[in-house]
Protein backbone atom coordinates (compact mmCIF):
# COMPACT_ATOMS: atom_id res chain seq x y z
CA MET A 1 77.67 -147.53 21.46
CA PRO A 2 77.57 -144.32 19.60
CA PHE A 3 77.53 -140.94 21.32
CA GLN A 4 74.62 -138.76 21.02
CA PHE A 5 76.40 -135.20 20.75
CA VAL A 6 74.45 -132.20 20.81
CA LYS A 7 76.45 -129.01 19.82
CA PHE A 8 76.75 -126.21 21.92
CA PRO A 9 74.95 -123.08 20.05
CA GLY A 10 77.94 -120.53 20.67
CA GLN A 11 79.31 -118.48 23.35
CA ALA A 12 77.19 -115.84 24.92
CA ARG A 13 77.60 -114.11 28.08
CA GLY A 14 74.63 -115.91 29.66
CA PHE A 15 72.06 -118.36 28.97
CA SER A 16 69.75 -117.52 31.79
CA ALA A 17 66.80 -115.30 30.44
CA ARG A 18 67.48 -111.94 31.81
CA VAL A 19 66.07 -108.40 31.31
CA SER A 20 67.56 -105.37 32.18
CA LEU A 21 65.81 -101.73 33.07
CA ARG A 22 68.54 -99.58 32.00
CA LYS A 23 69.07 -95.83 33.26
CA ASN A 24 67.67 -94.56 29.75
CA ALA A 25 64.45 -96.46 30.53
CA GLN A 26 65.51 -99.41 27.70
CA LEU A 27 64.22 -102.92 28.51
CA GLY A 28 67.41 -105.04 27.38
CA PHE A 29 67.28 -108.49 26.56
CA ASN A 30 70.30 -110.67 27.11
CA GLY A 31 71.63 -113.42 24.80
CA GLY A 32 69.83 -115.90 26.87
CA ALA A 33 66.52 -114.31 26.64
CA VAL A 34 67.01 -113.94 22.72
CA MET A 35 67.53 -117.43 22.54
CA HIS A 36 64.92 -118.86 24.67
CA TYR A 37 62.05 -116.98 23.80
CA LYS A 38 63.39 -116.71 20.21
CA LEU A 39 62.99 -112.91 20.31
CA GLU A 40 64.54 -112.23 16.56
CA GLN A 41 61.30 -113.57 15.10
CA TYR A 42 59.58 -110.75 16.63
CA THR A 43 59.67 -106.84 15.47
CA GLY A 44 57.58 -105.43 18.12
CA ALA A 45 55.64 -105.63 21.48
CA PHE A 46 52.73 -104.11 23.56
CA LEU A 47 53.64 -103.01 27.00
CA HIS A 48 51.44 -103.68 29.63
CA PHE A 49 51.92 -103.25 33.70
CA ASP A 50 50.29 -104.42 36.45
CA ALA A 51 50.38 -101.85 39.44
CA SER A 52 49.38 -103.75 42.26
CA SER A 53 51.67 -106.32 41.69
CA GLN A 54 54.39 -104.19 39.84
CA VAL A 55 54.87 -106.40 36.98
CA ILE A 56 55.44 -105.51 33.47
CA GLY A 57 53.62 -107.79 30.65
CA ILE A 58 55.45 -107.60 27.25
CA GLN A 59 53.24 -109.28 24.53
CA LEU A 60 55.54 -110.11 21.46
CA VAL A 61 54.18 -109.17 17.97
CA THR A 62 55.55 -110.14 14.67
CA THR A 63 54.57 -106.71 13.26
CA HIS A 64 54.53 -103.54 15.06
CA GLU A 65 52.46 -101.22 12.38
CA ASP A 66 50.08 -100.51 15.44
CA THR A 67 51.29 -97.48 16.64
CA ALA A 68 51.02 -98.69 20.35
CA ALA A 69 53.29 -101.67 19.58
CA CYS A 70 57.10 -100.68 20.62
CA ARG A 71 59.85 -101.79 18.10
CA ILE A 72 62.15 -104.54 19.04
CA VAL A 73 65.75 -103.45 18.08
CA HIS A 74 67.96 -106.77 17.58
CA ARG A 75 71.66 -106.21 18.15
CA PRO A 76 74.36 -108.84 17.81
CA GLY A 77 73.80 -111.18 21.04
CA ASN A 78 70.99 -109.00 22.69
CA SER A 79 67.70 -106.91 21.95
CA TYR A 80 66.22 -104.23 23.34
CA ILE A 81 62.77 -101.97 23.64
CA ALA A 82 62.98 -98.16 24.13
CA ALA A 83 60.59 -97.74 26.85
CA LYS A 84 61.12 -94.38 28.47
CA SER A 85 57.18 -93.03 27.45
CA PHE A 86 56.10 -96.36 29.14
CA CYS A 87 57.55 -95.99 32.32
CA ASP A 88 56.49 -92.01 32.27
CA PHE A 89 53.04 -93.10 31.65
CA PHE A 90 52.96 -95.67 34.69
CA GLN A 91 55.17 -93.70 37.00
CA ILE A 92 57.90 -96.82 36.89
CA PRO A 93 60.99 -95.31 38.61
CA VAL A 94 64.06 -95.75 36.58
CA SER A 95 67.37 -95.97 38.61
CA ASP A 96 70.60 -94.27 37.72
CA GLU A 97 71.77 -97.64 37.60
CA THR A 98 70.89 -100.46 35.57
CA THR A 99 68.45 -103.28 37.11
CA ARG A 100 68.38 -106.80 36.08
CA TYR A 101 65.51 -109.20 36.44
CA GLU A 102 64.64 -112.66 35.56
CA LEU A 103 62.41 -112.94 32.41
CA LYS A 104 59.85 -115.51 32.59
CA ARG A 105 56.56 -116.55 30.49
CA ASP A 106 53.09 -116.20 32.11
CA GLU A 107 51.56 -119.47 31.02
CA GLU A 108 48.07 -117.75 31.41
CA SER A 109 48.65 -114.71 29.36
CA GLY A 110 51.21 -116.05 27.40
CA MET A 111 53.01 -112.83 27.90
CA LEU A 112 56.74 -112.30 28.95
CA ILE A 113 56.99 -110.80 32.54
CA VAL A 114 59.16 -108.85 34.70
CA GLU A 115 58.65 -108.62 38.38
CA LEU A 116 59.90 -105.29 39.07
CA ALA A 117 59.57 -105.97 43.06
CA LYS A 118 62.31 -108.94 42.46
CA PRO A 119 65.54 -107.33 41.28
CA LEU A 120 68.63 -110.09 40.66
CA ALA A 121 70.97 -107.22 40.80
CA VAL A 122 71.84 -103.70 40.18
CA LYS A 123 74.96 -102.90 38.07
CA GLY A 124 76.81 -99.59 38.62
CA LYS A 125 80.07 -98.49 37.76
CA LYS A 126 82.03 -100.03 35.02
CA ARG A 127 82.67 -103.90 36.26
CA GLY A 128 80.95 -103.17 39.46
CA LEU A 129 77.99 -105.54 40.76
CA ASP A 130 75.91 -105.41 43.64
CA VAL A 131 73.66 -108.40 43.98
CA GLY A 132 70.18 -107.43 44.88
CA GLU A 133 68.24 -108.63 48.18
């Protein structure tokens, strides 16, 4: 009976889809999020905010010609969106520490969502990690 091997796609720091809200107000997507949601095929995103639920909605687009769309910057192993003006506009508090969140897709809207009320961890000093509640 022959084996049905599936090749491991390579090393990454993690395969769970995560997003970080960094102290400079960047939304940073880890390698797991880039792979899971195929972020490399998108060049921009429209950012939305539900203040009552404290949820950020990320509507991915393949072109960011519209000035309201934020550019997605792709780096080897991760991607990010500069979101300072977005955070300032909606008065989203940005900590002096990087805060990580689970990244999920909302089936109804099709957007990627970040639940600010449910942080996974706060990363402070170099290599220091304090697990959230």
